[in-house]
Protein backbone atom coordinates (compact mmCIF):
# COMPACT_ATOMS: atom_id res chain seq x y z
CA UNK A 1 23.89 -59.77 10.27
CA UNK A 2 23.65 -56.11 10.41
CA UNK A 3 26.79 -55.48 8.51
CA UNK A 4 25.69 -57.88 5.67
CA UNK A 5 22.50 -55.99 5.37
CA UNK A 6 24.43 -52.69 5.13
CA UNK A 7 26.46 -54.16 2.29
CA UNK A 8 23.21 -55.21 0.47
CA UNK A 9 21.68 -52.08 0.82
CA UNK A 10 24.90 -50.40 -0.41
CA UNK A 11 24.77 -52.87 -3.45
CA UNK A 12 21.07 -52.03 -4.09
CA UNK A 13 21.73 -48.56 -4.01
CA UNK A 14 24.65 -48.41 -6.25
CA UNK A 15 24.10 -51.41 -8.47
CA UNK A 16 24.51 -49.48 -11.66
CA UNK A 17 27.75 -47.89 -10.87
CA UNK A 18 29.00 -51.03 -9.32
CA UNK A 19 28.19 -53.13 -12.32
CA UNK A 20 29.96 -50.66 -14.65
CA UNK A 21 32.96 -50.75 -12.39
CA UNK A 22 33.07 -54.48 -12.35
CA UNK A 23 32.80 -54.49 -16.15
CA UNK A 24 35.68 -51.94 -16.42
CA UNK A 25 37.80 -54.04 -14.00
CA UNK A 26 37.43 -57.06 -15.72
CA UNK A 27 37.93 -55.54 -19.24
CA UNK A 28 41.28 -53.87 -17.86
CA UNK A 29 42.46 -57.16 -16.20
CA UNK A 30 41.61 -59.03 -19.52
CA UNK A 31 43.64 -56.36 -21.56
CA UNK A 32 46.54 -56.84 -19.16
CA UNK A 33 46.63 -60.54 -19.58
CA UNK A 34 46.37 -60.28 -23.36
CA UNK A 35 49.13 -57.61 -23.64
CA UNK A 36 51.50 -59.64 -21.50
CA UNK A 37 50.77 -63.49 -22.37
CA UNK A 38 49.28 -63.61 -25.71
CA UNK A 39 50.58 -60.25 -27.48
CA UNK A 40 53.84 -60.71 -29.50
CA UNK A 41 54.79 -57.91 -31.96
CA UNK A 42 56.18 -59.62 -35.13
CA UNK A 43 58.25 -56.46 -35.60
CA UNK A 44 57.86 -56.67 -39.40
CA UNK A 45 56.90 -53.82 -41.52
CA UNK A 46 54.24 -55.74 -43.28
CA UNK A 47 52.90 -57.28 -40.25
CA UNK A 48 53.20 -54.66 -37.19
CA UNK A 49 50.28 -52.08 -38.12
CA UNK A 50 47.46 -54.85 -38.92
CA UNK A 51 48.53 -57.14 -35.90
CA UNK A 52 48.49 -54.05 -33.46
CA UNK A 53 45.26 -52.75 -34.75
CA UNK A 54 43.79 -56.41 -34.51
CA UNK A 55 44.63 -56.60 -30.83
CA UNK A 56 43.54 -53.00 -29.96
CA UNK A 57 40.33 -53.13 -32.08
CA UNK A 58 38.98 -56.50 -32.39
CA UNK A 59 38.53 -57.44 -28.73
CA UNK A 60 36.77 -53.86 -28.38
CA UNK A 61 34.28 -54.85 -31.22
CA UNK A 62 33.67 -58.07 -29.48
CA UNK A 63 32.69 -56.51 -26.30
CA UNK A 64 30.48 -53.81 -27.90
CA UNK A 65 28.72 -56.74 -29.55
CA UNK A 66 28.57 -58.56 -26.19
CA UNK A 67 26.89 -55.70 -24.81
CA UNK A 68 24.28 -55.78 -27.10
CA UNK A 69 23.67 -59.71 -26.64
CA UNK A 70 23.50 -59.02 -22.84
CA UNK A 71 21.16 -56.08 -22.96
CA UNK A 72 17.49 -57.03 -22.28
CA UNK A 73 16.35 -54.09 -24.26
CA UNK A 74 17.97 -55.53 -27.49
CA UNK A 75 15.86 -58.64 -27.21
CA UNK A 76 12.85 -56.80 -26.15
CA UNK A 77 13.31 -54.63 -29.41
CA UNK A 78 14.19 -57.29 -31.81
CA UNK A 79 11.81 -60.30 -30.72
CA UNK A 80 8.96 -60.52 -33.22
CA UNK A 81 9.87 -57.39 -35.28
CA UNK A 82 10.49 -59.50 -38.43
CA UNK A 83 7.07 -61.41 -37.83
CA UNK A 84 4.71 -61.34 -40.79
CA UNK A 85 1.95 -59.47 -39.38
CA UNK A 86 4.32 -56.83 -37.73
CA UNK A 87 3.64 -53.39 -38.54
CA UNK A 88 6.09 -50.57 -38.25
CA UNK A 89 5.30 -47.04 -38.87
CA UNK A 90 7.84 -43.96 -38.95
CA UNK A 91 7.25 -43.20 -35.26
CA UNK A 92 7.88 -46.72 -34.08
CA UNK A 93 10.98 -46.91 -36.54
CA UNK A 94 12.29 -43.56 -34.98
CA UNK A 95 11.80 -44.64 -31.21
CA UNK A 96 13.62 -47.97 -32.10
CA UNK A 97 16.47 -46.12 -33.47
CA UNK A 98 16.52 -43.73 -30.22
CA UNK A 99 16.63 -47.13 -28.27
CA UNK A 100 19.25 -48.59 -30.20
CA UNK A 101 21.34 -45.54 -29.56
CA UNK A 102 20.77 -45.92 -25.87
CA UNK A 103 21.95 -49.38 -26.04
CA UNK A 104 25.03 -48.78 -28.06
CA UNK A 105 26.16 -45.92 -25.53
CA UNK A 106 25.62 -48.63 -22.60
CA UNK A 107 27.52 -51.26 -24.49
CA UNK A 108 30.33 -49.01 -25.35
CA UNK A 109 31.58 -48.89 -21.70
CA UNK A 110 33.71 -52.10 -22.14
CA UNK A 111 34.94 -51.46 -25.66
CA UNK A 112 36.26 -48.01 -24.60
CA UNK A 113 37.76 -49.37 -21.46
CA UNK A 114 39.64 -51.81 -23.32
CA UNK A 115 40.96 -49.32 -25.85
CA UNK A 116 41.83 -46.76 -23.00
CA UNK A 117 43.82 -49.21 -20.92
CA UNK A 118 45.49 -51.03 -24.03
CA UNK A 119 46.65 -47.23 -24.95
CA UNK A 120 47.78 -46.55 -21.58
CA UNK A 121 49.71 -49.84 -21.66
CA UNK A 122 51.18 -48.75 -24.88
CA UNK A 123 52.06 -52.30 -26.38
CA UNK A 124 49.63 -52.43 -29.08
CA UNK A 125 50.07 -48.94 -30.25
CA UNK A 126 53.83 -49.01 -30.27
CA UNK A 127 53.61 -52.21 -32.51
CA UNK A 128 50.98 -50.94 -34.86
CA UNK A 129 52.61 -47.23 -34.89
CA UNK A 130 56.05 -48.60 -35.51
CA UNK A 131 54.63 -50.47 -38.89
CA UNK A 132 52.96 -47.07 -40.23
CA UNK A 133 54.54 -45.49 -43.02
CA UNK A 134 53.01 -42.20 -42.11
CA UNK A 135 54.31 -42.31 -38.35
CA UNK A 136 57.82 -43.32 -39.84
CA UNK A 137 58.02 -40.33 -41.89
CA UNK A 138 57.09 -38.07 -39.00
CA UNK A 139 59.52 -39.69 -36.58
CA UNK A 140 62.58 -40.52 -38.74
CA UNK A 141 62.44 -36.82 -39.87
CA UNK A 142 65.97 -35.45 -39.51
CA UNK A 143 67.33 -38.82 -38.49
CA UNK A 144 69.61 -41.39 -40.07
CA UNK A 145 68.53 -42.99 -43.66
CA UNK A 146 67.78 -46.34 -42.21
CA UNK A 147 65.35 -45.06 -39.41
CA UNK A 148 62.19 -46.01 -41.42
CA UNK A 149 63.37 -49.45 -42.15
CA UNK A 150 64.43 -50.11 -38.57
CA UNK A 151 61.57 -48.63 -36.95
CA UNK A 152 59.28 -51.92 -36.97
CA UNK A 153 62.24 -53.72 -34.99
CA UNK A 154 62.11 -50.98 -32.17
CA UNK A 155 59.12 -52.92 -30.19
CA UNK A 156 61.45 -55.94 -30.07
CA UNK A 157 64.60 -54.05 -28.89
CA UNK A 158 66.65 -55.50 -32.18
CA UNK A 159 67.61 -52.14 -33.43
CA UNK A 160 71.23 -51.50 -33.30
CA UNK A 161 71.21 -47.52 -33.50
CA UNK A 162 70.45 -46.07 -29.95
CA UNK A 163 68.93 -42.90 -31.30
CA UNK A 164 66.28 -45.22 -33.44
CA UNK A 165 65.77 -47.46 -30.36
CA UNK A 166 64.89 -44.28 -28.29
CA UNK A 167 61.96 -43.98 -30.43
CA UNK A 168 60.14 -46.65 -28.55
CA UNK A 169 59.69 -44.19 -25.64
CA UNK A 170 57.98 -41.65 -28.03
CA UNK A 171 55.80 -44.15 -29.32
CA UNK A 172 54.73 -44.99 -25.63
CA UNK A 173 54.23 -41.52 -24.97
CA UNK A 174 52.08 -40.83 -27.80
CA UNK A 175 49.97 -43.84 -26.75
CA UNK A 176 49.52 -42.79 -23.17
CA UNK A 177 48.58 -39.34 -24.21
CA UNK A 178 45.96 -40.62 -26.32
CA UNK A 179 44.67 -43.01 -23.58
CA UNK A 180 44.37 -39.86 -21.04
CA UNK A 181 42.67 -37.98 -23.82
CA UNK A 182 40.22 -40.81 -24.45
CA UNK A 183 39.46 -41.18 -20.79
CA UNK A 184 39.03 -37.42 -20.28
CA UNK A 185 36.61 -37.17 -23.35
CA UNK A 186 34.66 -40.33 -22.12
CA UNK A 187 33.92 -38.77 -18.68
CA UNK A 188 33.21 -35.27 -20.21
CA UNK A 189 30.57 -36.97 -22.81
CA UNK A 190 29.04 -39.07 -20.09
CA UNK A 191 28.80 -36.09 -17.64
CA UNK A 192 27.08 -33.69 -20.27
CA UNK A 193 24.81 -36.72 -21.58
CA UNK A 194 23.70 -37.38 -17.93
CA UNK A 195 23.11 -33.82 -17.10
CA UNK A 196 21.06 -33.26 -20.20
CA UNK A 197 18.94 -36.25 -19.49
CA UNK A 198 18.31 -35.36 -16.13
CA UNK A 199 17.48 -31.91 -17.01
CA UNK A 200 15.16 -33.04 -19.66
CA UNK A 201 13.34 -35.65 -17.09
CA UNK A 202 9.60 -35.19 -17.18
CA UNK A 203 9.43 -36.59 -13.60
CA UNK A 204 11.20 -35.61 -10.33
CA UNK A 205 14.17 -37.16 -8.64
CA UNK A 206 12.23 -38.91 -5.76
CA UNK A 207 9.69 -40.07 -8.57
CA UNK A 208 12.43 -41.90 -10.50
CA UNK A 209 13.46 -43.57 -6.98
CA UNK A 210 9.86 -44.37 -6.37
CA UNK A 211 9.61 -45.68 -10.01
CA UNK A 212 12.46 -48.05 -9.83
CA UNK A 213 11.28 -49.59 -6.43
CA UNK A 214 7.98 -50.35 -8.17
CA UNK A 215 9.67 -52.00 -11.31
CA UNK A 216 11.95 -54.16 -8.94
CA UNK A 217 8.44 -55.37 -7.01
CA UNK A 218 6.67 -55.90 -10.26
CA UNK A 219 9.43 -58.03 -11.86
CA UNK A 220 9.84 -60.23 -8.65
CA UNK A 221 6.27 -60.74 -8.29
CA UNK A 222 5.68 -61.40 -12.16
CA UNK A 223 8.38 -63.88 -12.17
CA UNK A 224 7.02 -65.69 -8.92
CA UNK A 225 3.40 -65.73 -10.42
CA UNK A 226 4.66 -66.89 -13.63
CA UNK A 227 6.79 -69.77 -12.02
CA UNK A 228 3.72 -70.76 -10.10
CA UNK A 229 1.31 -70.79 -12.82
CA UNK A 230 3.81 -72.61 -15.23
CA UNK A 231 4.19 -75.23 -12.63
CA UNK A 232 0.47 -75.69 -12.01
CA UNK A 233 -0.35 -76.17 -15.88
CA UNK A 234 2.45 -78.41 -16.22
CA UNK A 235 1.42 -80.77 -13.37
CA UNK A 236 -2.14 -80.54 -14.82
CA UNK A 237 -0.86 -81.57 -17.97
CA UNK A 238 1.42 -84.45 -17.09
CA UNK A 239 -1.49 -85.60 -14.76
CA UNK A 240 -3.75 -85.69 -17.61
CA UNK A 241 -1.32 -87.47 -19.87
CA UNK A 242 -0.77 -90.40 -17.75
CA UNK A 243 -4.70 -90.50 -16.44
CA UNK A 244 -5.82 -90.25 -20.01
CA UNK A 245 -8.04 -87.45 -19.00
CA UNK A 246 -8.87 -84.18 -20.22
CA UNK A 247 -7.41 -81.20 -18.46
CA UNK A 248 -9.42 -78.41 -16.59
CA UNK A 249 -9.54 -75.11 -18.38
CA UNK A 250 -6.57 -72.59 -17.48
CA UNK A 251 -6.89 -69.10 -18.21
CA UNK A 252 -3.85 -67.61 -19.38
CA UNK A 253 -2.74 -64.55 -21.56
CA UNK A 254 -2.83 -65.11 -25.24
CA UNK A 255 -0.01 -64.39 -27.70
CA UNK A 256 -1.47 -60.76 -28.44
CA UNK A 257 -1.35 -60.16 -24.61
CA UNK A 258 2.18 -61.23 -24.43
CA UNK A 259 3.11 -59.34 -27.45
CA UNK A 260 1.84 -56.01 -25.85
CA UNK A 261 3.41 -56.37 -22.51
CA UNK A 262 6.99 -57.06 -24.33
CA UNK A 263 6.78 -53.99 -26.23
CA UNK A 264 8.95 -50.89 -25.68
CA UNK A 265 7.67 -48.40 -23.05
CA UNK A 266 6.92 -45.00 -24.13
CA UNK A 267 6.00 -42.01 -21.83
CA UNK A 268 3.06 -40.01 -22.02
CA UNK A 269 2.40 -37.16 -19.75
CA UNK A 270 -1.31 -37.63 -19.94
CA UNK A 271 -1.26 -41.43 -19.11
CA UNK A 272 1.11 -41.83 -16.47
CA UNK A 273 2.14 -45.68 -16.09
CA UNK A 274 5.21 -47.19 -14.47
CA UNK A 275 5.62 -50.04 -16.83
CA UNK A 276 4.29 -51.38 -19.95
CA UNK A 277 2.17 -54.01 -18.01
CA UNK A 278 0.94 -51.14 -15.72
CA UNK A 279 -0.29 -49.63 -18.86
CA UNK A 280 -1.98 -52.78 -20.28
CA UNK A 281 -3.91 -53.67 -17.15
CA UNK A 282 -5.39 -50.03 -16.97
CA UNK A 283 -6.36 -50.03 -20.49
CA UNK A 284 -10.00 -48.79 -20.97
CA UNK A 285 -11.16 -51.28 -23.42
CA UNK A 286 -10.25 -55.00 -23.34
CA UNK A 287 -9.53 -55.55 -27.20
CA UNK A 288 -7.61 -52.10 -27.16
CA UNK A 289 -4.03 -52.01 -28.21
CA UNK A 290 -1.49 -50.36 -25.96
CA UNK A 291 0.81 -49.73 -28.90
CA UNK A 292 2.65 -46.04 -28.86
CA UNK A 293 0.81 -43.33 -30.09
CA UNK A 294 1.99 -40.05 -31.42
CA UNK A 295 2.09 -38.38 -28.20
CA UNK A 296 4.10 -41.01 -26.63
CA UNK A 297 7.85 -40.47 -26.50
CA UNK A 298 11.15 -42.52 -25.56
CA UNK A 299 12.51 -40.81 -22.73
CA UNK A 300 16.23 -41.25 -22.18
CA UNK A 301 16.09 -41.04 -18.22
CA UNK A 302 13.55 -43.63 -18.16
CA UNK A 303 15.58 -46.26 -20.15
CA UNK A 304 15.66 -48.55 -17.04
CA UNK A 305 12.10 -49.53 -17.49
CA UNK A 306 12.74 -51.70 -20.67
CA UNK A 307 16.06 -52.86 -19.23
CA UNK A 308 14.39 -54.91 -16.55
CA UNK A 309 12.91 -58.55 -17.07
CA UNK A 310 12.13 -61.56 -15.05
CA UNK A 311 15.74 -62.38 -14.64
CA UNK A 312 17.05 -59.16 -13.43
CA UNK A 313 15.87 -55.89 -11.51
CA UNK A 314 16.34 -52.53 -12.06
CA UNK A 315 19.10 -50.29 -10.28
CA UNK A 316 18.27 -48.42 -7.32
């Protein structure tokens, strides 16, 4: 039992890193399956380039869009934004654009992993590059006159001339070099971005830890209370339906209350709240809106506040 608790604690402390690692591992495994079981280069001058690029980029685009779909912040940002009474000022639009940029950065993990692993494997790049006239001019410079015409056949090992068939090794080398360069760039950019966001953090390291613990407990209790309240309300309505009676009055938040606690979190150093729900219940006037003011700002290091919902908990 103690070993199980230790594993659970490890998962809670490194939930974010483990999640990204699992996504990257599944993406890499999917790419290997595609390249060995599905991908078959047509070895045609007309089809090699589009076929290779489709396998290299279209799955990456699909994974990128899937990252948007699976992000809680996406639906928190979009839900109700096109309603007839929804009003958006320049400040809110700018904050929304910043949140979109943060969502895009997180959603880019899987597609970049796909492209990097695909380049290291080399199959997609070899097929696409062998059908490119630009690559053919560079690789066939100083070789036989039929090199450019035979280059599309290189991925299928159908070339008769050995010196042209050896170009397959050069294509694979180019692909792997590009793959390692992409990995290095991703790591450097991630390190720089993380360092900058941490340096610009308005709160300390330990307060961030406390903040995430608070959010975890808030979402857990909110889900429990919402389930309990919804169950009681459903029981009362069903009971009144079968008994042909009027239900007793239940106090529930109205539509404006739900809209306010569903809005994006913004940080204000003068009024420190740990969530949009925390800000809502501490408003000074009952009818006062908690929409973002000019002094509020979207802080990248606090992006985890909007990432949590009643079906998930923030990473520790």
